Amino acid sequence: MIPVYLDHNATTPIDEDVLAAMLPFLREAFGNPSSSHPIGRRARDAVETARAEVAALIGAAADEIVFTSGGTEASNTAIRGGAVA
């Protein structure tokens, strides 16, 4: 019997294109984008490039794109933003 995975809320298999795009950052271009050293600045540049690409994809400004650590943080950010507006 072929298993059927239904727990995508917990974790999801990574798409091959996403894996290929991330591998350089997992292997050699890793770094804390909040750090001021060269490795951190390179990571920050990659995050800012991704932010601009996402913005262009959805017709938004780069400063309107917020990356979070996961679903809970994203939900809380959206709820708090809506409450303040």
PDB file of N, CA and C in Angstrom:
ATOM      1  N   MET A   1       0.839  -1.177   0.000  1.00  0.00           N
ATOM      2  CA  MET A   1       0.000   0.000   0.000  1.00  0.00           C
ATOM      3  C   MET A   1       0.888   1.245   0.000  1.00  0.00           C
ATOM      4  N   ILE A   2       0.573   2.218  -0.824  1.00  0.00           N
ATOM      5  CA  ILE A   2       1.334   3.462  -0.912  1.00  0.00           C
ATOM      6  C   ILE A   2       0.876   4.397   0.204  1.00  0.00           C
ATOM      7  N   PRO A   3       1.826   4.883   1.022  1.00  0.00           N
ATOM      8  CA  PRO A   3       1.420   5.797   2.104  1.00  0.00           C
ATOM      9  C   PRO A   3       0.956   7.144   1.549  1.00  0.00           C
ATOM     10  N   VAL A   4      -0.006   7.715   2.233  1.00  0.00           N
ATOM     11  CA  VAL A   4      -0.514   9.040   1.887  1.00  0.00           C
ATOM     12  C   VAL A   4      -0.205   9.957   3.055  1.00  0.00           C
ATOM     13  N   TYR A   5       0.567  10.985   2.813  1.00  0.00           N
ATOM     14  CA  TYR A   5       0.984  11.915   3.868  1.00  0.00           C
ATOM     15  C   TYR A   5      -0.025  13.046   3.977  1.00  0.00           C
ATOM     16  N   LEU A   6      -0.664  13.183   5.123  1.00  0.00           N
ATOM     17  CA  LEU A   6      -1.695  14.197   5.321  1.00  0.00           C
ATOM     18  C   LEU A   6      -1.359  15.195   6.424  1.00  0.00           C
ATOM     19  N   ASP A   7      -0.143  15.181   6.932  1.00  0.00           N
ATOM     20  CA  ASP A   7       0.220  16.059   8.045  1.00  0.00           C
ATOM     21  C   ASP A   7       1.039  17.257   7.563  1.00  0.00           C
ATOM     22  N   HIS A   8       0.581  17.895   6.497  1.00  0.00           N
ATOM     23  CA  HIS A   8       1.315  19.037   5.945  1.00  0.00           C
ATOM     24  C   HIS A   8       1.298  20.245   6.872  1.00  0.00           C
ATOM     25  N   ASN A   9       0.417  20.254   7.857  1.00  0.00           N
ATOM     26  CA  ASN A   9       0.420  21.341   8.834  1.00  0.00           C
ATOM     27  C   ASN A   9       1.687  21.285   9.689  1.00  0.00           C
ATOM     28  N   ALA A  10       2.189  20.088   9.945  1.00  0.00           N
ATOM     29  CA  ALA A  10       3.391  19.929  10.762  1.00  0.00           C
ATOM     30  C   ALA A  10       4.654  20.179   9.947  1.00  0.00           C
ATOM     31  N   THR A  11       4.728  19.608   8.782  1.00  0.00           N
ATOM     32  CA  THR A  11       5.866  19.801   7.887  1.00  0.00           C
ATOM     33  C   THR A  11       5.471  19.346   6.492  1.00  0.00           C
ATOM     34  N   THR A  12       6.089  19.924   5.512  1.00  0.00           N
ATOM     35  CA  THR A  12       5.736  19.639   4.124  1.00  0.00           C
ATOM     36  C   THR A  12       6.997  19.274   3.356  1.00  0.00           C
ATOM     37  N   PRO A  13       6.917  18.269   2.488  1.00  0.00           N
ATOM     38  CA  PRO A  13       8.081  17.961   1.659  1.00  0.00           C
ATOM     39  C   PRO A  13       8.466  19.192   0.836  1.00  0.00           C
ATOM     40  N   ILE A  14       9.759  19.408   0.694  1.00  0.00           N
ATOM     41  CA  ILE A  14      10.224  20.603  -0.010  1.00  0.00           C
ATOM     42  C   ILE A  14      10.197  20.379  -1.524  1.00  0.00           C
ATOM     43  N   ASP A  15       9.742  21.378  -2.238  1.00  0.00           N
ATOM     44  CA  ASP A  15       9.726  21.351  -3.692  1.00  0.00           C
ATOM     45  C   ASP A  15      11.168  21.353  -4.206  1.00  0.00           C
ATOM     46  N   GLU A  16      11.423  20.609  -5.269  1.00  0.00           N
ATOM     47  CA  GLU A  16      12.783  20.495  -5.806  1.00  0.00           C
ATOM     48  C   GLU A  16      13.364  21.846  -6.220  1.00  0.00           C
ATOM     49  N   ASP A  17      12.546  22.723  -6.799  1.00  0.00           N
ATOM     50  CA  ASP A  17      13.035  24.051  -7.197  1.00  0.00           C
ATOM     51  C   ASP A  17      13.423  24.882  -5.979  1.00  0.00           C
ATOM     52  N   VAL A  18      12.640  24.764  -4.915  1.00  0.00           N
ATOM     53  CA  VAL A  18      12.942  25.492  -3.676  1.00  0.00           C
ATOM     54  C   VAL A  18      14.235  24.957  -3.071  1.00  0.00           C
ATOM     55  N   LEU A  19      14.376  23.645  -3.038  1.00  0.00           N
ATOM     56  CA  LEU A  19      15.595  23.038  -2.507  1.00  0.00           C
ATOM     57  C   LEU A  19      16.820  23.509  -3.286  1.00  0.00           C
ATOM     58  N   ALA A  20      16.723  23.506  -4.602  1.00  0.00           N
ATOM     59  CA  ALA A  20      17.858  23.943  -5.429  1.00  0.00           C
ATOM     60  C   ALA A  20      18.218  25.400  -5.154  1.00  0.00           C
ATOM     61  N   ALA A  21      17.202  26.242  -4.948  1.00  0.00           N
ATOM     62  CA  ALA A  21      17.466  27.658  -4.668  1.00  0.00           C
ATOM     63  C   ALA A  21      18.070  27.857  -3.288  1.00  0.00           C
ATOM     64  N   MET A  22      17.721  26.995  -2.336  1.00  0.00           N
ATOM     65  CA  MET A  22      18.190  27.163  -0.959  1.00  0.00           C
ATOM     66  C   MET A  22      19.530  26.499  -0.671  1.00  0.00           C
ATOM     67  N   LEU A  23      19.887  25.482  -1.425  1.00  0.00           N
ATOM     68  CA  LEU A  23      21.112  24.733  -1.130  1.00  0.00           C
ATOM     69  C   LEU A  23      22.355  25.600  -0.975  1.00  0.00           C
ATOM     70  N   PRO A  24      22.597  26.578  -1.843  1.00  0.00           N
ATOM     71  CA  PRO A  24      23.796  27.399  -1.643  1.00  0.00           C
ATOM     72  C   PRO A  24      23.812  28.093  -0.276  1.00  0.00           C
ATOM     73  N   PHE A  25      22.646  28.485   0.218  1.00  0.00           N
ATOM     74  CA  PHE A  25      22.580  29.176   1.505  1.00  0.00           C
ATOM     75  C   PHE A  25      22.684  28.205   2.672  1.00  0.00           C
ATOM     76  N   LEU A  26      22.329  26.965   2.458  1.00  0.00           N
ATOM     77  CA  LEU A  26      22.456  25.953   3.503  1.00  0.00           C
ATOM     78  C   LEU A  26      23.878  25.413   3.583  1.00  0.00           C
ATOM     79  N   ARG A  27      24.598  25.465   2.469  1.00  0.00           N
ATOM     80  CA  ARG A  27      25.940  24.882   2.427  1.00  0.00           C
ATOM     81  C   ARG A  27      27.059  25.888   2.640  1.00  0.00           C
ATOM     82  N   GLU A  28      27.042  27.000   1.902  1.00  0.00           N
ATOM     83  CA  GLU A  28      28.191  27.905   1.994  1.00  0.00           C
ATOM     84  C   GLU A  28      27.850  29.375   2.194  1.00  0.00           C
ATOM     85  N   ALA A  29      26.645  29.790   1.921  1.00  0.00           N
ATOM     86  CA  ALA A  29      26.313  31.213   2.042  1.00  0.00           C
ATOM     87  C   ALA A  29      25.418  31.483   3.250  1.00  0.00           C
ATOM     88  N   PHE A  30      25.521  30.630   4.251  1.00  0.00           N
ATOM     89  CA  PHE A  30      24.712  30.786   5.458  1.00  0.00           C
ATOM     90  C   PHE A  30      25.205  31.977   6.263  1.00  0.00           C
ATOM     91  N   GLY A  31      24.371  32.495   7.081  1.00  0.00           N
ATOM     92  CA  GLY A  31      24.761  33.606   7.944  1.00  0.00           C
ATOM     93  C   GLY A  31      23.536  34.243   8.544  1.00  0.00           C
ATOM     94  N   ASN A  32      23.737  34.946   9.624  1.00  0.00           N
ATOM     95  CA  ASN A  32      22.657  35.659  10.295  1.00  0.00           C
ATOM     96  C   ASN A  32      22.489  37.005   9.600  1.00  0.00           C
ATOM     97  N   PRO A  33      21.354  37.237   8.933  1.00  0.00           N
ATOM     98  CA  PRO A  33      21.191  38.490   8.199  1.00  0.00           C
ATOM     99  C   PRO A  33      21.131  39.727   9.088  1.00  0.00           C
ATOM    100  N   SER A  34      21.054  39.533  10.391  1.00  0.00           N
ATOM    101  CA  SER A  34      21.062  40.671  11.317  1.00  0.00           C
ATOM    102  C   SER A  34      22.464  41.007  11.799  1.00  0.00           C
ATOM    103  N   SER A  35      23.453  40.203  11.403  1.00  0.00           N
ATOM    104  CA  SER A  35      24.835  40.441  11.822  1.00  0.00           C
ATOM    105  C   SER A  35      25.497  41.482  10.931  1.00  0.00           C
ATOM    106  N   SER A  36      26.500  42.155  11.481  1.00  0.00           N
ATOM    107  CA  SER A  36      27.185  43.201  10.718  1.00  0.00           C
ATOM    108  C   SER A  36      28.451  42.705  10.026  1.00  0.00           C
ATOM    109  N   HIS A  37      28.840  41.461  10.258  1.00  0.00           N
ATOM    110  CA  HIS A  37      30.048  40.945   9.607  1.00  0.00           C
ATOM    111  C   HIS A  37      29.737  40.551   8.153  1.00  0.00           C
ATOM    112  N   PRO A  38      30.771  40.322   7.343  1.00  0.00           N
ATOM    113  CA  PRO A  38      30.560  40.063   5.911  1.00  0.00           C
ATOM    114  C   PRO A  38      29.609  38.903   5.606  1.00  0.00           C
ATOM    115  N   ILE A  39      29.692  37.825   6.362  1.00  0.00           N
ATOM    116  CA  ILE A  39      28.801  36.688   6.105  1.00  0.00           C
ATOM    117  C   ILE A  39      27.352  37.089   6.378  1.00  0.00           C
ATOM    118  N   GLY A  40      27.135  37.847   7.435  1.00  0.00           N
ATOM    119  CA  GLY A  40      25.792  38.324   7.751  1.00  0.00           C
ATOM    120  C   GLY A  40      25.269  39.298   6.708  1.00  0.00           C
ATOM    121  N   ARG A  41      26.138  40.176   6.236  1.00  0.00           N
ATOM    122  CA  ARG A  41      25.715  41.139   5.204  1.00  0.00           C
ATOM    123  C   ARG A  41      25.338  40.421   3.910  1.00  0.00           C
ATOM    124  N   ARG A  42      26.072  39.368   3.578  1.00  0.00           N
ATOM    125  CA  ARG A  42      25.748  38.585   2.380  1.00  0.00           C
ATOM    126  C   ARG A  42      24.381  37.912   2.549  1.00  0.00           C
ATOM    127  N   ALA A  43      24.115  37.400   3.737  1.00  0.00           N
ATOM    128  CA  ALA A  43      22.809  36.791   4.004  1.00  0.00           C
ATOM    129  C   ALA A  43      21.703  37.846   3.939  1.00  0.00           C
ATOM    130  N   ARG A  44      21.969  39.027   4.488  1.00  0.00           N
ATOM    131  CA  ARG A  44      20.974  40.109   4.443  1.00  0.00           C
ATOM    132  C   ARG A  44      20.690  40.507   2.996  1.00  0.00           C
ATOM    133  N   ASP A  45      21.723  40.586   2.168  1.00  0.00           N
ATOM    134  CA  ASP A  45      21.533  40.907   0.754  1.00  0.00           C
ATOM    135  C   ASP A  45      20.628  39.872   0.079  1.00  0.00           C
ATOM    136  N   ALA A  46      20.818  38.596   0.429  1.00  0.00           N
ATOM    137  CA  ALA A  46      19.984  37.537  -0.149  1.00  0.00           C
ATOM    138  C   ALA A  46      18.532  37.683   0.293  1.00  0.00           C
ATOM    139  N   VAL A  47      18.324  38.020   1.562  1.00  0.00           N
ATOM    140  CA  VAL A  47      16.962  38.219   2.067  1.00  0.00           C
ATOM    141  C   VAL A  47      16.315  39.407   1.361  1.00  0.00           C
ATOM    142  N   GLU A  48      17.055  40.480   1.199  1.00  0.00           N
ATOM    143  CA  GLU A  48      16.501  41.669   0.540  1.00  0.00           C
ATOM    144  C   GLU A  48      16.211  41.407  -0.937  1.00  0.00           C
ATOM    145  N   THR A  49      17.037  40.600  -1.581  1.00  0.00           N
ATOM    146  CA  THR A  49      16.766  40.213  -2.966  1.00  0.00           C
ATOM    147  C   THR A  49      15.483  39.397  -3.038  1.00  0.00           C
ATOM    148  N   ALA A  50      15.333  38.451  -2.119  1.00  0.00           N
ATOM    149  CA  ALA A  50      14.104  37.643  -2.071  1.00  0.00           C
ATOM    150  C   ALA A  50      12.891  38.523  -1.809  1.00  0.00           C
ATOM    151  N   ARG A  51      13.030  39.487  -0.918  1.00  0.00           N
ATOM    152  CA  ARG A  51      11.926  40.405  -0.602  1.00  0.00           C
ATOM    153  C   ARG A  51      11.492  41.169  -1.858  1.00  0.00           C
ATOM    154  N   ALA A  52      12.458  41.666  -2.614  1.00  0.00           N
ATOM    155  CA  ALA A  52      12.157  42.401  -3.845  1.00  0.00           C
ATOM    156  C   ALA A  52      11.502  41.494  -4.887  1.00  0.00           C
ATOM    157  N   GLU A  53      11.966  40.252  -4.978  1.00  0.00           N
ATOM    158  CA  GLU A  53      11.391  39.315  -5.943  1.00  0.00           C
ATOM    159  C   GLU A  53       9.947  38.969  -5.585  1.00  0.00           C
ATOM    160  N   VAL A  54       9.673  38.735  -4.305  1.00  0.00           N
ATOM    161  CA  VAL A  54       8.302  38.444  -3.871  1.00  0.00           C
ATOM    162  C   VAL A  54       7.410  39.650  -4.136  1.00  0.00           C
ATOM    163  N   ALA A  55       7.907  40.831  -3.820  1.00  0.00           N
ATOM    164  CA  ALA A  55       7.130  42.053  -4.045  1.00  0.00           C
ATOM    165  C   ALA A  55       6.780  42.205  -5.523  1.00  0.00           C
ATOM    166  N   ALA A  56       7.749  42.006  -6.390  1.00  0.00           N
ATOM    167  CA  ALA A  56       7.503  42.127  -7.827  1.00  0.00           C
ATOM    168  C   ALA A  56       6.494  41.087  -8.300  1.00  0.00           C
ATOM    169  N   LEU A  57       6.573  39.899  -7.738  1.00  0.00           N
ATOM    170  CA  LEU A  57       5.674  38.815  -8.127  1.00  0.00           C
ATOM    171  C   LEU A  57       4.216  39.141  -7.822  1.00  0.00           C
ATOM    172  N   ILE A  58       3.968  39.829  -6.711  1.00  0.00           N
ATOM    173  CA  ILE A  58       2.581  40.111  -6.314  1.00  0.00           C
ATOM    174  C   ILE A  58       2.189  41.571  -6.509  1.00  0.00           C
ATOM    175  N   GLY A  59       3.058  42.357  -7.117  1.00  0.00           N
ATOM    176  CA  GLY A  59       2.738  43.754  -7.385  1.00  0.00           C
ATOM    177  C   GLY A  59       2.726  44.622  -6.142  1.00  0.00           C
ATOM    178  N   ALA A  60       3.634  44.357  -5.226  1.00  0.00           N
ATOM    179  CA  ALA A  60       3.732  45.128  -3.985  1.00  0.00           C
ATOM    180  C   ALA A  60       5.070  45.848  -3.945  1.00  0.00           C
ATOM    181  N   ALA A  61       5.211  46.708  -2.967  1.00  0.00           N
ATOM    182  CA  ALA A  61       6.502  47.349  -2.712  1.00  0.00           C
ATOM    183  C   ALA A  61       7.305  46.444  -1.782  1.00  0.00           C
ATOM    184  N   ALA A  62       8.610  46.450  -1.933  1.00  0.00           N
ATOM    185  CA  ALA A  62       9.457  45.591  -1.104  1.00  0.00           C
ATOM    186  C   ALA A  62       9.258  45.852   0.385  1.00  0.00           C
ATOM    187  N   ASP A  63       9.003  47.109   0.764  1.00  0.00           N
ATOM    188  CA  ASP A  63       8.833  47.400   2.191  1.00  0.00           C
ATOM    189  C   ASP A  63       7.480  46.934   2.732  1.00  0.00           C
ATOM    190  N   GLU A  64       6.637  46.380   1.865  1.00  0.00           N
ATOM    191  CA  GLU A  64       5.369  45.805   2.308  1.00  0.00           C
ATOM    192  C   GLU A  64       5.478  44.304   2.572  1.00  0.00           C
ATOM    193  N   ILE A  65       6.624  43.715   2.269  1.00  0.00           N
ATOM    194  CA  ILE A  65       6.827  42.279   2.433  1.00  0.00           C
ATOM    195  C   ILE A  65       7.510  42.021   3.767  1.00  0.00           C
ATOM    196  N   VAL A  66       6.902  41.157   4.575  1.00  0.00           N
ATOM    197  CA  VAL A  66       7.444  40.808   5.885  1.00  0.00           C
ATOM    198  C   VAL A  66       7.665  39.304   5.918  1.00  0.00           C
ATOM    199  N   PHE A  67       8.866  38.885   6.247  1.00  0.00           N
ATOM    200  CA  PHE A  67       9.159  37.471   6.435  1.00  0.00           C
ATOM    201  C   PHE A  67       9.095  37.165   7.925  1.00  0.00           C
ATOM    202  N   THR A  68       8.463  36.058   8.276  1.00  0.00           N
ATOM    203  CA  THR A  68       8.367  35.648   9.671  1.00  0.00           C
ATOM    204  C   THR A  68       8.978  34.262   9.832  1.00  0.00           C
ATOM    205  N   SER A  69       9.080  33.825  11.070  1.00  0.00           N
ATOM    206  CA  SER A  69       9.685  32.522  11.342  1.00  0.00           C
ATOM    207  C   SER A  69       8.710  31.373  11.159  1.00  0.00           C
ATOM    208  N   GLY A  70       7.431  31.658  11.013  1.00  0.00           N
ATOM    209  CA  GLY A  70       6.461  30.578  10.844  1.00  0.00           C
ATOM    210  C   GLY A  70       5.032  31.078  10.891  1.00  0.00           C
ATOM    211  N   GLY A  71       4.112  30.131  10.850  1.00  0.00           N
ATOM    212  CA  GLY A  71       2.693  30.444  10.792  1.00  0.00           C
ATOM    213  C   GLY A  71       2.164  31.198  11.989  1.00  0.00           C
ATOM    214  N   THR A  72       2.579  30.816  13.188  1.00  0.00           N
ATOM    215  CA  THR A  72       2.079  31.485  14.388  1.00  0.00           C
ATOM    216  C   THR A  72       2.519  32.937  14.422  1.00  0.00           C
ATOM    217  N   GLU A  73       3.784  33.184  14.147  1.00  0.00           N
ATOM    218  CA  GLU A  73       4.269  34.564  14.130  1.00  0.00           C
ATOM    219  C   GLU A  73       3.578  35.368  13.032  1.00  0.00           C
ATOM    220  N   ALA A  74       3.366  34.761  11.871  1.00  0.00           N
ATOM    221  CA  ALA A  74       2.685  35.455  10.778  1.00  0.00           C
ATOM    222  C   ALA A  74       1.251  35.806  11.160  1.00  0.00           C
ATOM    223  N   SER A  75       0.545  34.857  11.780  1.00  0.00           N
ATOM    224  CA  SER A  75      -0.837  35.113  12.208  1.00  0.00           C
ATOM    225  C   SER A  75      -0.888  36.228  13.240  1.00  0.00           C
ATOM    226  N   ASN A  76      -0.003  36.170  14.226  1.00  0.00           N
ATOM    227  CA  ASN A  76       0.024  37.210  15.259  1.00  0.00           C
ATOM    228  C   ASN A  76       0.342  38.579  14.667  1.00  0.00           C
ATOM    229  N   THR A  77       1.261  38.629  13.726  1.00  0.00           N
ATOM    230  CA  THR A  77       1.610  39.896  13.082  1.00  0.00           C
ATOM    231  C   THR A  77       0.413  40.455  12.324  1.00  0.00           C
ATOM    232  N   ALA A  78      -0.291  39.600  11.596  1.00  0.00           N
ATOM    233  CA  ALA A  78      -1.465  40.048  10.837  1.00  0.00           C
ATOM    234  C   ALA A  78      -2.576  40.523  11.770  1.00  0.00           C
ATOM    235  N   ILE A  79      -2.827  39.782  12.840  1.00  0.00           N
ATOM    236  CA  ILE A  79      -3.887  40.156  13.787  1.00  0.00           C
ATOM    237  C   ILE A  79      -3.549  41.474  14.473  1.00  0.00           C
ATOM    238  N   ARG A  80      -2.321  41.591  14.935  1.00  0.00           N
ATOM    239  CA  ARG A  80      -1.917  42.841  15.602  1.00  0.00           C
ATOM    240  C   ARG A  80      -1.945  44.016  14.635  1.00  0.00           C
ATOM    241  N   GLY A  81      -1.540  43.790  13.405  1.00  0.00           N
ATOM    242  CA  GLY A  81      -1.581  44.849  12.405  1.00  0.00           C
ATOM    243  C   GLY A  81      -3.000  45.289  12.118  1.00  0.00           C
ATOM    244  N   GLY A  82      -3.913  44.330  12.053  1.00  0.00           N
ATOM    245  CA  GLY A  82      -5.315  44.660  11.834  1.00  0.00           C
ATOM    246  C   GLY A  82      -5.930  45.385  13.009  1.00  0.00           C
ATOM    247  N   ALA A  83      -5.514  45.026  14.209  1.00  0.00           N
ATOM    248  CA  ALA A  83      -6.057  45.667  15.413  1.00  0.00           C
ATOM    249  C   ALA A  83      -5.597  47.115  15.522  1.00  0.00           C
ATOM    250  N   VAL A  84      -4.396  47.397  15.057  1.00  0.00           N
ATOM    251  CA  VAL A  84      -3.847  48.753  15.142  1.00  0.00           C
ATOM    252  C   VAL A  84      -4.427  49.651  14.051  1.00  0.00           C
ATOM    253  N   ALA A  85      -4.731  49.068  12.910  1.00  0.00           N
ATOM    254  CA  ALA A  85      -5.205  49.853  11.750  1.00  0.00           C
ATOM    255  C   ALA A  85      -6.556  50.498  11.972  1.00  0.00           C
TER     256      ALA A  85
END
